[in-house]
Amino acid sequence: MNMKYEKLCAEIAKLEKKAEEIRAQLKEMYEKKTEMENLEIISTVRALVMDKGQVMAFLAAMKNGDPLPIPEVETEETENE
């Protein structure tokens, strides 16, 4: 066969293999990104000083698109009054 044709076919095969590797790497990175986002969400929810019922109401309101209940947070101003 034509050497240029064979070289082109080899180059195509090489690039297809590289593309598969990149797709696998990209999939892994998306999974890691999702895991990091989930950990950030968990950390944020834990930082809210709410009991279990308040957290569940907060999450239900978020899911339904309702106005979010704002938890009461004690500050130095309210303690000094």
C-alpha atoms as a PDB file:
ATOM      1  CA  MET A   1       0.000   0.000   0.000  1.00  0.00           C
ATOM      2  CA  ASN A   2       0.869   3.637  -0.144  1.00  0.00           C
ATOM      3  CA  MET A   3       3.261   4.633   2.640  1.00  0.00           C
ATOM      4  CA  LYS A   4       1.469   7.954   3.188  1.00  0.00           C
ATOM      5  CA  TYR A   5      -1.818   6.094   3.667  1.00  0.00           C
ATOM      6  CA  GLU A   6      -0.287   3.685   6.193  1.00  0.00           C
ATOM      7  CA  LYS A   7       1.337   6.554   8.063  1.00  0.00           C
ATOM      8  CA  LEU A   8      -1.995   8.389   8.177  1.00  0.00           C
ATOM      9  CA  CYS A   9      -3.787   5.270   9.485  1.00  0.00           C
ATOM     10  CA  ALA A  10      -1.134   4.838  12.181  1.00  0.00           C
ATOM     11  CA  GLU A  11      -1.468   8.484  13.194  1.00  0.00           C
ATOM     12  CA  ILE A  12      -5.266   8.142  13.375  1.00  0.00           C
ATOM     13  CA  ALA A  13      -4.940   5.052  15.591  1.00  0.00           C
ATOM     14  CA  LYS A  14      -2.457   6.850  17.836  1.00  0.00           C
ATOM     15  CA  LEU A  15      -4.748   9.871  18.223  1.00  0.00           C
ATOM     16  CA  GLU A  16      -7.816   7.688  18.888  1.00  0.00           C
ATOM     17  CA  LYS A  17      -5.932   5.917  21.686  1.00  0.00           C
ATOM     18  CA  LYS A  18      -4.839   9.243  23.153  1.00  0.00           C
ATOM     19  CA  ALA A  19      -8.423  10.566  22.929  1.00  0.00           C
ATOM     20  CA  GLU A  20      -9.678   7.516  24.859  1.00  0.00           C
ATOM     21  CA  GLU A  21      -7.080   8.125  27.556  1.00  0.00           C
ATOM     22  CA  ILE A  22      -8.063  11.786  27.781  1.00  0.00           C
ATOM     23  CA  ARG A  23     -11.782  10.891  28.019  1.00  0.00           C
ATOM     24  CA  ALA A  24     -10.998   8.471  30.872  1.00  0.00           C
ATOM     25  CA  GLN A  25      -8.915  11.125  32.636  1.00  0.00           C
ATOM     26  CA  LEU A  26     -11.656  13.716  32.146  1.00  0.00           C
ATOM     27  CA  LYS A  27     -14.291  11.341  33.562  1.00  0.00           C
ATOM     28  CA  GLU A  28     -12.110  10.754  36.625  1.00  0.00           C
ATOM     29  CA  MET A  29     -11.625  14.505  37.095  1.00  0.00           C
ATOM     30  CA  TYR A  30     -15.381  15.155  36.863  1.00  0.00           C
ATOM     31  CA  GLU A  31     -15.983  12.475  39.505  1.00  0.00           C
ATOM     32  CA  LYS A  32     -13.352  14.042  41.763  1.00  0.00           C
ATOM     33  CA  LYS A  33     -14.911  17.496  41.206  1.00  0.00           C
ATOM     34  CA  THR A  34     -18.334  16.169  42.222  1.00  0.00           C
ATOM     35  CA  GLU A  35     -16.847  14.526  45.301  1.00  0.00           C
ATOM     36  CA  MET A  36     -15.155  17.798  46.307  1.00  0.00           C
ATOM     37  CA  GLU A  37     -18.403  19.740  45.776  1.00  0.00           C
ATOM     38  CA  ASN A  38     -20.278  17.238  47.925  1.00  0.00           C
ATOM     39  CA  LEU A  39     -17.697  17.516  50.696  1.00  0.00           C
ATOM     40  CA  GLU A  40     -17.997  21.313  50.560  1.00  0.00           C
ATOM     41  CA  ILE A  41     -21.794  21.056  50.829  1.00  0.00           C
ATOM     42  CA  ILE A  42     -21.511  18.700  53.794  1.00  0.00           C
ATOM     43  CA  SER A  43     -19.007  21.001  55.469  1.00  0.00           C
ATOM     44  CA  THR A  44     -21.269  24.007  54.938  1.00  0.00           C
ATOM     45  CA  VAL A  45     -24.334  22.208  56.311  1.00  0.00           C
ATOM     46  CA  ARG A  46     -22.378  21.054  59.351  1.00  0.00           C
ATOM     47  CA  ALA A  47     -21.225  24.632  59.940  1.00  0.00           C
ATOM     48  CA  LEU A  48     -24.851  25.729  60.241  1.00  0.00           C
ATOM     49  CA  VAL A  49     -25.781  25.600  63.880  1.00  0.00           C
ATOM     50  CA  MET A  50     -29.090  23.803  63.487  1.00  0.00           C
ATOM     51  CA  ASP A  51     -30.618  20.681  64.911  1.00  0.00           C
ATOM     52  CA  LYS A  52     -31.636  17.775  62.670  1.00  0.00           C
ATOM     53  CA  GLY A  53     -35.204  19.036  62.185  1.00  0.00           C
ATOM     54  CA  GLN A  54     -34.015  22.487  61.153  1.00  0.00           C
ATOM     55  CA  VAL A  55     -31.504  21.028  58.695  1.00  0.00           C
ATOM     56  CA  MET A  56     -34.184  18.813  57.142  1.00  0.00           C
ATOM     57  CA  ALA A  57     -36.587  21.775  56.833  1.00  0.00           C
ATOM     58  CA  PHE A  58     -33.817  23.864  55.292  1.00  0.00           C
ATOM     59  CA  LEU A  59     -32.982  21.170  52.729  1.00  0.00           C
ATOM     60  CA  ALA A  60     -36.660  20.572  51.923  1.00  0.00           C
ATOM     61  CA  ALA A  61     -37.147  24.307  51.335  1.00  0.00           C
ATOM     62  CA  MET A  62     -34.124  24.357  49.017  1.00  0.00           C
ATOM     63  CA  LYS A  63     -35.444  21.362  47.085  1.00  0.00           C
ATOM     64  CA  ASN A  64     -38.910  22.895  46.670  1.00  0.00           C
ATOM     65  CA  GLY A  65     -37.577  26.323  45.748  1.00  0.00           C
ATOM     66  CA  ASP A  66     -39.270  27.904  48.767  1.00  0.00           C
ATOM     67  CA  PRO A  67     -37.750  30.894  50.533  1.00  0.00           C
ATOM     68  CA  LEU A  68     -35.025  29.540  52.755  1.00  0.00           C
ATOM     69  CA  PRO A  69     -35.441  29.755  56.507  1.00  0.00           C
ATOM     70  CA  ILE A  70     -32.580  31.714  57.985  1.00  0.00           C
ATOM     71  CA  PRO A  71     -31.240  30.123  61.147  1.00  0.00           C
ATOM     72  CA  GLU A  72     -30.909  32.363  64.146  1.00  0.00           C
ATOM     73  CA  VAL A  73     -27.308  32.919  65.044  1.00  0.00           C
ATOM     74  CA  GLU A  74     -26.263  34.363  68.347  1.00  0.00           C
ATOM     75  CA  THR A  75     -23.911  37.291  68.047  1.00  0.00           C
ATOM     76  CA  GLU A  76     -22.157  39.369  70.641  1.00  0.00           C
ATOM     77  CA  GLU A  77     -24.680  42.183  70.108  1.00  0.00           C
ATOM     78  CA  THR A  78     -27.659  40.014  71.026  1.00  0.00           C
ATOM     79  CA  GLU A  79     -25.809  38.566  74.003  1.00  0.00           C
ATOM     80  CA  ASN A  80     -24.928  42.021  75.341  1.00  0.00           C
ATOM     81  CA  GLU A  81     -28.435  43.474  75.004  1.00  0.00           C
END
